[in-house]
PDB file of N, CA and C in Angstrom:
ATOM      1  N   MET A   1      96.329-102.617 183.702  1.00  0.00           N
ATOM      2  CA  MET A   1      95.071-101.964 183.988  1.00  0.00           C
ATOM      3  C   MET A   1      95.344-100.658 184.726  1.00  0.00           C
ATOM      4  N   ILE A   2      94.576 -99.639 184.372  1.00  0.00           N
ATOM      5  CA  ILE A   2      94.559 -98.391 185.124  1.00  0.00           C
ATOM      6  C   ILE A   2      93.103 -98.075 185.443  1.00  0.00           C
ATOM      7  N   VAL A   3      92.904 -97.279 186.468  1.00  0.00           N
ATOM      8  CA  VAL A   3      91.565 -96.812 186.823  1.00  0.00           C
ATOM      9  C   VAL A   3      91.618 -95.296 186.893  1.00  0.00           C
ATOM     10  N   GLU A   4      90.707 -94.666 186.189  1.00  0.00           N
ATOM     11  CA  GLU A   4      90.597 -93.216 186.285  1.00  0.00           C
ATOM     12  C   GLU A   4      89.535 -92.887 187.328  1.00  0.00           C
ATOM     13  N   GLU A   5      89.944 -92.107 188.317  1.00  0.00           N
ATOM     14  CA  GLU A   5      89.026 -91.625 189.344  1.00  0.00           C
ATOM     15  C   GLU A   5      88.666 -90.191 188.987  1.00  0.00           C
ATOM     16  N   ARG A   6      87.390 -89.934 188.788  1.00  0.00           N
ATOM     17  CA  ARG A   6      86.911 -88.592 188.460  1.00  0.00           C
ATOM     18  C   ARG A   6      85.960 -88.160 189.570  1.00  0.00           C
ATOM     19  N   VAL A   7      86.330 -87.110 190.284  1.00  0.00           N
ATOM     20  CA  VAL A   7      85.527 -86.622 191.403  1.00  0.00           C
ATOM     21  C   VAL A   7      84.944 -85.265 191.019  1.00  0.00           C
ATOM     22  N   TYR A   8      83.635 -85.187 191.042  1.00  0.00           N
ATOM     23  CA  TYR A   8      82.927 -83.956 190.716  1.00  0.00           C
ATOM     24  C   TYR A   8      82.305 -83.398 191.991  1.00  0.00           C
ATOM     25  N   THR A   9      82.574 -82.141 192.295  1.00  0.00           N
ATOM     26  CA  THR A   9      81.927 -81.458 193.408  1.00  0.00           C
ATOM     27  C   THR A   9      80.839 -80.571 192.824  1.00  0.00           C
ATOM     28  N   THR A  10      79.635 -80.728 193.349  1.00  0.00           N
ATOM     29  CA  THR A  10      78.497 -79.964 192.851  1.00  0.00           C
ATOM     30  C   THR A  10      78.138 -78.855 193.833  1.00  0.00           C
ATOM     31  N   VAL A  11      77.288 -77.962 193.380  1.00  0.00           N
ATOM     32  CA  VAL A  11      76.705 -76.978 194.286  1.00  0.00           C
ATOM     33  C   VAL A  11      75.951 -77.737 195.369  1.00  0.00           C
ATOM     34  N   ALA A  12      75.688 -77.086 196.494  1.00  0.00           N
ATOM     35  CA  ALA A  12      74.956 -77.744 197.581  1.00  0.00           C
ATOM     36  C   ALA A  12      73.627 -78.289 197.059  1.00  0.00           C
ATOM     37  N   GLY A  13      73.396 -79.558 197.308  1.00  0.00           N
ATOM     38  CA  GLY A  13      72.177 -80.206 196.847  1.00  0.00           C
ATOM     39  C   GLY A  13      72.178 -80.574 195.377  1.00  0.00           C
ATOM     40  N   GLY A  14      73.307 -80.430 194.698  1.00  0.00           N
ATOM     41  CA  GLY A  14      73.360 -80.669 193.261  1.00  0.00           C
ATOM     42  C   GLY A  14      73.514 -82.117 192.836  1.00  0.00           C
ATOM     43  N   VAL A  15      73.891 -82.994 193.757  1.00  0.00           N
ATOM     44  CA  VAL A  15      74.133 -84.393 193.380  1.00  0.00           C
ATOM     45  C   VAL A  15      72.897 -85.048 192.760  1.00  0.00           C
ATOM     46  N   PRO A  16      71.704 -84.942 193.357  1.00  0.00           N
ATOM     47  CA  PRO A  16      70.539 -85.581 192.721  1.00  0.00           C
ATOM     48  C   PRO A  16      70.248 -85.035 191.327  1.00  0.00           C
ATOM     49  N   ARG A  17      70.422 -83.730 191.140  1.00  0.00           N
ATOM     50  CA  ARG A  17      70.174 -83.138 189.816  1.00  0.00           C
ATOM     51  C   ARG A  17      71.224 -83.588 188.807  1.00  0.00           C
ATOM     52  N   TYR A  18      72.484 -83.694 189.250  1.00  0.00           N
ATOM     53  CA  TYR A  18      73.542 -84.184 188.366  1.00  0.00           C
ATOM     54  C   TYR A  18      73.240 -85.622 187.951  1.00  0.00           C
ATOM     55  N   LEU A  19      72.891 -86.460 188.921  1.00  0.00           N
ATOM     56  CA  LEU A  19      72.601 -87.862 188.607  1.00  0.00           C
ATOM     57  C   LEU A  19      71.391 -88.001 187.693  1.00  0.00           C
ATOM     58  N   ASP A  20      70.390 -87.152 187.875  1.00  0.00           N
ATOM     59  CA  ASP A  20      69.228 -87.188 186.990  1.00  0.00           C
ATOM     60  C   ASP A  20      69.656 -86.890 185.557  1.00  0.00           C
ATOM     61  N   ALA A  21      70.449 -85.839 185.371  1.00  0.00           N
ATOM     62  CA  ALA A  21      70.932 -85.497 184.024  1.00  0.00           C
ATOM     63  C   ALA A  21      71.832 -86.593 183.481  1.00  0.00           C
ATOM     64  N   TRP A  22      72.695 -87.164 184.332  1.00  0.00           N
ATOM     65  CA  TRP A  22      73.593 -88.228 183.879  1.00  0.00           C
ATOM     66  C   TRP A  22      72.791 -89.434 183.404  1.00  0.00           C
ATOM     67  N   ASN A  23      71.771 -89.815 184.168  1.00  0.00           N
ATOM     68  CA  ASN A  23      70.962 -90.970 183.780  1.00  0.00           C
ATOM     69  C   ASN A  23      70.162 -90.716 182.507  1.00  0.00           C
ATOM     70  N   ARG A  24      69.725 -89.484 182.289  1.00  0.00           N
ATOM     71  CA  ARG A  24      68.946 -89.155 181.096  1.00  0.00           C
ATOM     72  C   ARG A  24      69.816 -88.912 179.871  1.00  0.00           C
ATOM     73  N   LEU A  25      70.956 -88.223 180.054  1.00  0.00           N
ATOM     74  CA  LEU A  25      71.726 -87.729 178.910  1.00  0.00           C
ATOM     75  C   LEU A  25      73.149 -88.262 178.797  1.00  0.00           C
ATOM     76  N   GLY A  26      73.771 -88.609 179.904  1.00  0.00           N
ATOM     77  CA  GLY A  26      75.194 -88.922 179.878  1.00  0.00           C
ATOM     78  C   GLY A  26      75.559 -90.381 180.011  1.00  0.00           C
ATOM     79  N   ARG A  27      74.793 -91.122 180.782  1.00  0.00           N
ATOM     80  CA  ARG A  27      75.176 -92.495 181.131  1.00  0.00           C
ATOM     81  C   ARG A  27      75.375 -93.379 179.897  1.00  0.00           C
ATOM     82  N   ASP A  28      74.364 -93.454 179.056  1.00  0.00           N
ATOM     83  CA  ASP A  28      74.439 -94.367 177.910  1.00  0.00           C
ATOM     84  C   ASP A  28      75.578 -94.012 176.955  1.00  0.00           C
ATOM     85  N   VAL A  29      75.756 -92.724 176.677  1.00  0.00           N
ATOM     86  CA  VAL A  29      76.815 -92.335 175.744  1.00  0.00           C
ATOM     87  C   VAL A  29      78.187 -92.581 176.361  1.00  0.00           C
ATOM     88  N   GLN A  30      78.327 -92.361 177.665  1.00  0.00           N
ATOM     89  CA  GLN A  30      79.616 -92.652 178.297  1.00  0.00           C
ATOM     90  C   GLN A  30      79.912 -94.148 178.262  1.00  0.00           C
ATOM     91  N   ILE A  31      78.933 -94.961 178.585  1.00  0.00           N
ATOM     92  CA  ILE A  31      79.158 -96.412 178.565  1.00  0.00           C
ATOM     93  C   ILE A  31      79.443 -96.886 177.145  1.00  0.00           C
ATOM     94  N   GLU A  32      78.777 -96.292 176.172  1.00  0.00           N
ATOM     95  CA  GLU A  32      79.033 -96.655 174.773  1.00  0.00           C
ATOM     96  C   GLU A  32      80.498 -96.424 174.403  1.00  0.00           C
ATOM     97  N   HIS A  33      81.061 -95.312 174.838  1.00  0.00           N
ATOM     98  CA  HIS A  33      82.431 -94.965 174.458  1.00  0.00           C
ATOM     99  C   HIS A  33      83.483 -95.450 175.451  1.00  0.00           C
ATOM    100  N   LEU A  34      83.168 -95.432 176.743  1.00  0.00           N
ATOM    101  CA  LEU A  34      84.173 -95.739 177.764  1.00  0.00           C
ATOM    102  C   LEU A  34      84.065 -97.148 178.321  1.00  0.00           C
ATOM    103  N   GLY A  35      82.941 -97.802 178.117  1.00  0.00           N
ATOM    104  CA  GLY A  35      82.676 -99.059 178.798  1.00  0.00           C
ATOM    105  C   GLY A  35      82.007 -98.756 180.130  1.00  0.00           C
ATOM    106  N   ALA A  36      81.593 -99.790 180.823  1.00  0.00           N
ATOM    107  CA  ALA A  36      80.895 -99.604 182.098  1.00  0.00           C
ATOM    108  C   ALA A  36      81.868 -99.142 183.179  1.00  0.00           C
ATOM    109  N   PRO A  37      81.438 -98.216 184.019  1.00  0.00           N
ATOM    110  CA  PRO A  37      82.302 -97.816 185.128  1.00  0.00           C
ATOM    111  C   PRO A  37      82.391 -98.935 186.160  1.00  0.00           C
ATOM    112  N   LEU A  38      83.480 -98.930 186.924  1.00  0.00           N
ATOM    113  CA  LEU A  38      83.577 -99.857 188.052  1.00  0.00           C
ATOM    114  C   LEU A  38      82.561 -99.490 189.117  1.00  0.00           C
ATOM    115  N   GLY A  39      82.230 -98.223 189.186  1.00  0.00           N
ATOM    116  CA  GLY A  39      81.239 -97.769 190.146  1.00  0.00           C
ATOM    117  C   GLY A  39      81.077 -96.271 190.105  1.00  0.00           C
ATOM    118  N   VAL A  40      79.949 -95.836 190.635  1.00  0.00           N
ATOM    119  CA  VAL A  40      79.644 -94.419 190.802  1.00  0.00           C
ATOM    120  C   VAL A  40      79.226 -94.264 192.255  1.00  0.00           C
ATOM    121  N   PHE A  41      79.867 -93.335 192.970  1.00  0.00           N
ATOM    122  CA  PHE A  41      79.673 -93.222 194.411  1.00  0.00           C
ATOM    123  C   PHE A  41      79.388 -91.782 194.810  1.00  0.00           C
ATOM    124  N   SER A  42      78.523 -91.624 195.813  1.00  0.00           N
ATOM    125  CA  SER A  42      78.362 -90.329 196.465  1.00  0.00           C
ATOM    126  C   SER A  42      79.010 -90.423 197.835  1.00  0.00           C
ATOM    127  N   CYS A  43      79.218 -89.288 198.454  1.00  0.00           N
ATOM    128  CA  CYS A  43      79.909 -89.245 199.745  1.00  0.00           C
ATOM    129  C   CYS A  43      78.912 -88.927 200.851  1.00  0.00           C
ATOM    130  N   ASP A  44      78.914 -89.750 201.898  1.00  0.00           N
ATOM    131  CA  ASP A  44      78.006 -89.571 203.025  1.00  0.00           C
ATOM    132  C   ASP A  44      78.672 -88.809 204.170  1.00  0.00           C
ATOM    133  N   VAL A  45      79.973 -88.965 204.314  1.00  0.00           N
ATOM    134  CA  VAL A  45      80.732 -88.316 205.384  1.00  0.00           C
ATOM    135  C   VAL A  45      81.989 -87.724 204.752  1.00  0.00           C
ATOM    136  N   GLY A  46      82.330 -86.515 205.105  1.00  0.00           N
ATOM    137  CA  GLY A  46      83.533 -85.895 204.557  1.00  0.00           C
ATOM    138  C   GLY A  46      83.167 -84.848 203.526  1.00  0.00           C
ATOM    139  N   ASP A  47      83.756 -84.946 202.347  1.00  0.00           N
ATOM    140  CA  ASP A  47      83.501 -83.980 201.274  1.00  0.00           C
ATOM    141  C   ASP A  47      82.127 -84.245 200.667  1.00  0.00           C
ATOM    142  N   LEU A  48      81.124 -83.540 201.153  1.00  0.00           N
ATOM    143  CA  LEU A  48      79.756 -83.734 200.679  1.00  0.00           C
ATOM    144  C   LEU A  48      79.572 -83.096 199.309  1.00  0.00           C
ATOM    145  N   ASN A  49      78.431 -83.372 198.707  1.00  0.00           N
ATOM    146  CA  ASN A  49      78.085 -82.832 197.387  1.00  0.00           C
ATOM    147  C   ASN A  49      79.077 -83.280 196.325  1.00  0.00           C
ATOM    148  N   THR A  50      79.613 -84.498 196.484  1.00  0.00           N
ATOM    149  CA  THR A  50      80.560 -85.025 195.500  1.00  0.00           C
ATOM    150  C   THR A  50      80.057 -86.338 194.923  1.00  0.00           C
ATOM    151  N   LEU A  51      80.463 -86.571 193.699  1.00  0.00           N
ATOM    152  CA  LEU A  51      80.260 -87.848 193.014  1.00  0.00           C
ATOM    153  C   LEU A  51      81.611 -88.332 192.536  1.00  0.00           C
ATOM    154  N   THR A  52      81.873 -89.612 192.727  1.00  0.00           N
ATOM    155  CA  THR A  52      83.121 -90.218 192.271  1.00  0.00           C
ATOM    156  C   THR A  52      82.789 -91.304 191.264  1.00  0.00           C
ATOM    157  N   PHE A  53      83.388 -91.196 190.085  1.00  0.00           N
ATOM    158  CA  PHE A  53      83.240 -92.186 189.023  1.00  0.00           C
ATOM    159  C   PHE A  53      84.574 -92.904 188.874  1.00  0.00           C
ATOM    160  N   LEU A  54      84.538 -94.223 188.797  1.00  0.00           N
ATOM    161  CA  LEU A  54      85.746 -95.026 188.580  1.00  0.00           C
ATOM    162  C   LEU A  54      85.623 -95.722 187.233  1.00  0.00           C
ATOM    163  N   TRP A  55      86.540 -95.396 186.316  1.00  0.00           N
ATOM    164  CA  TRP A  55      86.518 -95.924 184.954  1.00  0.00           C
ATOM    165  C   TRP A  55      87.758 -96.782 184.717  1.00  0.00           C
ATOM    166  N   PRO A  56      87.589 -98.063 184.358  1.00  0.00           N
ATOM    167  CA  PRO A  56      88.747 -98.926 184.106  1.00  0.00           C
ATOM    168  C   PRO A  56      89.191 -98.863 182.643  1.00  0.00           C
ATOM    169  N   TYR A  57      90.497 -98.957 182.444  1.00  0.00           N
ATOM    170  CA  TYR A  57      91.084 -99.011 181.104  1.00  0.00           C
ATOM    171  C   TYR A  57      92.246 -99.993 181.122  1.00  0.00           C
ATOM    172  N   THR A  58      92.560-100.541 179.964  1.00  0.00           N
ATOM    173  CA  THR A  58      93.710-101.443 179.880  1.00  0.00           C
ATOM    174  C   THR A  58      95.023-100.668 179.855  1.00  0.00           C
ATOM    175  N   SER A  59      94.974 -99.405 179.383  1.00  0.00           N
ATOM    176  CA  SER A  59      96.203 -98.614 179.268  1.00  0.00           C
ATOM    177  C   SER A  59      95.852 -97.134 179.136  1.00  0.00           C
ATOM    178  N   ALA A  60      96.854 -96.289 179.277  1.00  0.00           N
ATOM    179  CA  ALA A  60      96.660 -94.853 179.078  1.00  0.00           C
ATOM    180  C   ALA A  60      96.268 -94.556 177.632  1.00  0.00           C
ATOM    181  N   GLY A  61      96.813 -95.316 176.693  1.00  0.00           N
ATOM    182  CA  GLY A  61      96.461 -95.129 175.290  1.00  0.00           C
ATOM    183  C   GLY A  61      95.004 -95.443 175.016  1.00  0.00           C
ATOM    184  N   GLU A  62      94.509 -96.528 175.600  1.00  0.00           N
ATOM    185  CA  GLU A  62      93.095 -96.867 175.431  1.00  0.00           C
ATOM    186  C   GLU A  62      92.221 -95.765 176.022  1.00  0.00           C
ATOM    187  N   ARG A  63      92.599 -95.274 177.195  1.00  0.00           N
ATOM    188  CA  ARG A  63      91.843 -94.187 177.821  1.00  0.00           C
ATOM    189  C   ARG A  63      91.786 -92.976 176.896  1.00  0.00           C
ATOM    190  N   ALA A  64      92.923 -92.575 176.359  1.00  0.00           N
ATOM    191  CA  ALA A  64      92.978 -91.402 175.481  1.00  0.00           C
ATOM    192  C   ALA A  64      92.084 -91.590 174.260  1.00  0.00           C
ATOM    193  N   ASP A  65      92.138 -92.763 173.642  1.00  0.00           N
ATOM    194  CA  ASP A  65      91.310 -93.036 172.460  1.00  0.00           C
ATOM    195  C   ASP A  65      89.824 -92.982 172.800  1.00  0.00           C
ATOM    196  N   ARG A  66      89.442 -93.649 173.880  1.00  0.00           N
ATOM    197  CA  ARG A  66      88.027 -93.695 174.262  1.00  0.00           C
ATOM    198  C   ARG A  66      87.508 -92.310 174.644  1.00  0.00           C
ATOM    199  N   ARG A  67      88.302 -91.560 175.404  1.00  0.00           N
ATOM    200  CA  ARG A  67      87.856 -90.228 175.822  1.00  0.00           C
ATOM    201  C   ARG A  67      87.771 -89.277 174.621  1.00  0.00           C
ATOM    202  N   ALA A  68      88.669 -89.420 173.647  1.00  0.00           N
ATOM    203  CA  ALA A  68      88.600 -88.577 172.449  1.00  0.00           C
ATOM    204  C   ALA A  68      87.299 -88.831 171.691  1.00  0.00           C
ATOM    205  N   ARG A  69      86.917 -90.091 171.565  1.00  0.00           N
ATOM    206  CA  ARG A  69      85.650 -90.410 170.896  1.00  0.00           C
ATOM    207  C   ARG A  69      84.466 -89.826 171.673  1.00  0.00           C
ATOM    208  N   LEU A  70      84.515 -89.948 172.991  1.00  0.00           N
ATOM    209  CA  LEU A  70      83.434 -89.406 173.815  1.00  0.00           C
ATOM    210  C   LEU A  70      83.320 -87.895 173.638  1.00  0.00           C
ATOM    211  N   MET A  71      84.442 -87.206 173.669  1.00  0.00           N
ATOM    212  CA  MET A  71      84.420 -85.747 173.579  1.00  0.00           C
ATOM    213  C   MET A  71      83.943 -85.254 172.217  1.00  0.00           C
ATOM    214  N   ASN A  72      84.014 -86.089 171.196  1.00  0.00           N
ATOM    215  CA  ASN A  72      83.544 -85.717 169.860  1.00  0.00           C
ATOM    216  C   ASN A  72      82.083 -86.073 169.624  1.00  0.00           C
ATOM    217  N   ASP A  73      81.420 -86.669 170.606  1.00  0.00           N
ATOM    218  CA  ASP A  73      80.026 -87.088 170.449  1.00  0.00           C
ATOM    219  C   ASP A  73      79.108 -85.940 170.881  1.00  0.00           C
ATOM    220  N   PRO A  74      78.245 -85.458 169.990  1.00  0.00           N
ATOM    221  CA  PRO A  74      77.369 -84.338 170.341  1.00  0.00           C
ATOM    222  C   PRO A  74      76.408 -84.662 171.487  1.00  0.00           C
ATOM    223  N   ARG A  75      76.086 -85.918 171.676  1.00  0.00           N
ATOM    224  CA  ARG A  75      75.217 -86.285 172.804  1.00  0.00           C
ATOM    225  C   ARG A  75      75.916 -86.002 174.133  1.00  0.00           C
ATOM    226  N   PHE A  76      77.237 -86.236 174.177  1.00  0.00           N
ATOM    227  CA  PHE A  76      77.964 -85.949 175.410  1.00  0.00           C
ATOM    228  C   PHE A  76      78.107 -84.445 175.612  1.00  0.00           C
ATOM    229  N   SER A  77      78.252 -83.706 174.533  1.00  0.00           N
ATOM    230  CA  SER A  77      78.287 -82.240 174.639  1.00  0.00           C
ATOM    231  C   SER A  77      76.987 -81.714 175.237  1.00  0.00           C
ATOM    232  N   ALA A  78      75.862 -82.312 174.856  1.00  0.00           N
ATOM    233  CA  ALA A  78      74.568 -81.904 175.415  1.00  0.00           C
ATOM    234  C   ALA A  78      74.515 -82.183 176.912  1.00  0.00           C
ATOM    235  N   PHE A  79      75.027 -83.328 177.326  1.00  0.00           N
ATOM    236  CA  PHE A  79      75.069 -83.647 178.753  1.00  0.00           C
ATOM    237  C   PHE A  79      75.938 -82.643 179.503  1.00  0.00           C
ATOM    238  N   ARG A  80      77.110 -82.363 178.969  1.00  0.00           N
ATOM    239  CA  ARG A  80      78.020 -81.422 179.632  1.00  0.00           C
ATOM    240  C   ARG A  80      77.364 -80.053 179.803  1.00  0.00           C
ATOM    241  N   GLY A  81      76.633 -79.622 178.793  1.00  0.00           N
ATOM    242  CA  GLY A  81      75.925 -78.354 178.903  1.00  0.00           C
ATOM    243  C   GLY A  81      74.848 -78.378 179.975  1.00  0.00           C
ATOM    244  N   ALA A  82      74.207 -79.526 180.138  1.00  0.00           N
ATOM    245  CA  ALA A  82      73.128 -79.655 181.122  1.00  0.00           C
ATOM    246  C   ALA A  82      73.632 -79.620 182.557  1.00  0.00           C
ATOM    247  N   VAL A  83      74.870 -80.035 182.794  1.00  0.00           N
ATOM    248  CA  VAL A  83      75.379 -80.106 184.177  1.00  0.00           C
ATOM    249  C   VAL A  83      76.398 -79.016 184.506  1.00  0.00           C
ATOM    250  N   ARG A  84      76.797 -78.250 183.536  1.00  0.00           N
ATOM    251  CA  ARG A  84      77.866 -77.258 183.737  1.00  0.00           C
ATOM    252  C   ARG A  84      77.599 -76.345 184.935  1.00  0.00           C
ATOM    253  N   ASP A  85      76.377 -75.853 185.071  1.00  0.00           N
ATOM    254  CA  ASP A  85      76.072 -74.923 186.164  1.00  0.00           C
ATOM    255  C   ASP A  85      75.986 -75.607 187.525  1.00  0.00           C
ATOM    256  N   LEU A  86      75.972 -76.932 187.549  1.00  0.00           N
ATOM    257  CA  LEU A  86      75.936 -77.667 188.817  1.00  0.00           C
ATOM    258  C   LEU A  86      77.328 -77.903 189.386  1.00  0.00           C
ATOM    259  N   LEU A  87      78.359 -77.786 188.556  1.00  0.00           N
ATOM    260  CA  LEU A  87      79.707 -78.152 188.979  1.00  0.00           C
ATOM    261  C   LEU A  87      80.455 -76.993 189.630  1.00  0.00           C
ATOM    262  N   VAL A  88      81.106 -77.316 190.741  1.00  0.00           N
ATOM    263  CA  VAL A  88      81.975 -76.370 191.434  1.00  0.00           C
ATOM    264  C   VAL A  88      83.430 -76.671 191.093  1.00  0.00           C
ATOM    265  N   SER A  89      83.777 -77.965 191.074  1.00  0.00           N
ATOM    266  CA  SER A  89      85.146 -78.364 190.745  1.00  0.00           C
ATOM    267  C   SER A  89      85.156 -79.812 190.275  1.00  0.00           C
ATOM    268  N   GLN A  90      86.294 -80.184 189.714  1.00  0.00           N
ATOM    269  CA  GLN A  90      86.511 -81.553 189.237  1.00  0.00           C
ATOM    270  C   GLN A  90      87.957 -81.920 189.526  1.00  0.00           C
ATOM    271  N   ARG A  91      88.153 -83.168 189.946  1.00  0.00           N
ATOM    272  CA  ARG A  91      89.505 -83.684 190.187  1.00  0.00           C
ATOM    273  C   ARG A  91      89.606 -85.047 189.520  1.00  0.00           C
ATOM    274  N   ASN A  92      90.674 -85.261 188.779  1.00  0.00           N
ATOM    275  CA  ASN A  92      90.918 -86.544 188.111  1.00  0.00           C
ATOM    276  C   ASN A  92      92.238 -87.110 188.582  1.00  0.00           C
ATOM    277  N   ARG A  93      92.261 -88.429 188.764  1.00  0.00           N
ATOM    278  CA  ARG A  93      93.510 -89.122 189.096  1.00  0.00           C
ATOM    279  C   ARG A  93      93.539 -90.432 188.331  1.00  0.00           C
ATOM    280  N   ILE A  94      94.729 -90.857 187.955  1.00  0.00           N
ATOM    281  CA  ILE A  94      94.933 -92.179 187.371  1.00  0.00           C
ATOM    282  C   ILE A  94      95.502 -93.067 188.467  1.00  0.00           C
ATOM    283  N   LEU A  95      94.806 -94.153 188.749  1.00  0.00           N
ATOM    284  CA  LEU A  95      95.210 -95.095 189.787  1.00  0.00           C
ATOM    285  C   LEU A  95      95.857 -96.308 189.134  1.00  0.00           C
ATOM    286  N   LEU A  96      96.991 -96.722 189.674  1.00  0.00           N
ATOM    287  CA  LEU A  96      97.733 -97.872 189.160  1.00  0.00           C
ATOM    288  C   LEU A  96      97.685 -98.994 190.188  1.00  0.00           C
ATOM    289  N   PRO A  97      97.533-100.249 189.754  1.00  0.00           N
ATOM    290  CA  PRO A  97      97.520-101.352 190.711  1.00  0.00           C
ATOM    291  C   PRO A  97      98.897-101.529 191.342  1.00  0.00           C
ATOM    292  N   VAL A  98      98.903-101.926 192.609  1.00  0.00           N
ATOM    293  CA  VAL A  98     100.172-102.132 193.303  1.00  0.00           C
ATOM    294  C   VAL A  98     100.563-103.600 193.355  1.00  0.00           C
ATOM    295  N   GLN A  99      99.646-104.481 193.053  1.00  0.00           N
ATOM    296  CA  GLN A  99      99.918-105.915 192.974  1.00  0.00           C
ATOM    297  C   GLN A  99      99.422-106.405 191.621  1.00  0.00           C
ATOM    298  N   PRO A 100     100.006-107.453 191.095  1.00  0.00           N
ATOM    299  CA  PRO A 100      99.487-108.009 189.844  1.00  0.00           C
ATOM    300  C   PRO A 100      98.026-108.425 190.004  1.00  0.00           C
ATOM    301  N   LEU A 101      97.248-108.211 188.957  1.00  0.00           N
ATOM    302  CA  LEU A 101      95.845-108.603 189.003  1.00  0.00           C
ATOM    303  C   LEU A 101      95.687-110.087 189.273  1.00  0.00           C
ATOM    304  N   SER A 102      96.644-110.893 188.815  1.00  0.00           N
ATOM    305  CA  SER A 102      96.558-112.339 189.040  1.00  0.00           C
ATOM    306  C   SER A 102      96.629-112.692 190.518  1.00  0.00           C
ATOM    307  N   GLU A 103      97.131-111.766 191.338  1.00  0.00           N
ATOM    308  CA  GLU A 103      97.199-111.982 192.781  1.00  0.00           C
ATOM    309  C   GLU A 103      96.027-111.313 193.494  1.00  0.00           C
ATOM    310  N   GLY A 104      95.052-110.868 192.734  1.00  0.00           N
ATOM    311  CA  GLY A 104      93.880-110.252 193.320  1.00  0.00           C
ATOM    312  C   GLY A 104      94.054-108.803 193.712  1.00  0.00           C
ATOM    313  N   ASN A 105      95.195-108.229 193.397  1.00  0.00           N
ATOM    314  CA  ASN A 105      95.481-106.828 193.691  1.00  0.00           C
ATOM    315  C   ASN A 105      95.221-106.491 195.161  1.00  0.00           C
ATOM    316  N   ILE A 106      95.521-107.458 196.044  1.00  0.00           N
ATOM    317  CA  ILE A 106      95.386-107.182 197.489  1.00  0.00           C
ATOM    318  C   ILE A 106      96.639-107.608 198.221  1.00  0.00           C
TER     319      ILE A 106
END
């Protein structure tokens, strides 16, 4: 298992507008292609105006296949166009488990 962490920094006050667009245009198409996220989080202390999405995959190959399908979907292109002006930066990381999942990864 791998987890992709995608952190989006928005313009000041942009998080509610980004989430509105995501819920209207992006959420369903992303879940259709990527599966359900482990979670979507905003930041209360520290780096404000950020959203963090955690997406689980069985492997890097599965991630590549799923993301390629998503990027070819015109519905996702429409979402990207709707939020482009809200974004200041984006950071992606691939997280690897440090313990076997059978041990609860703790």
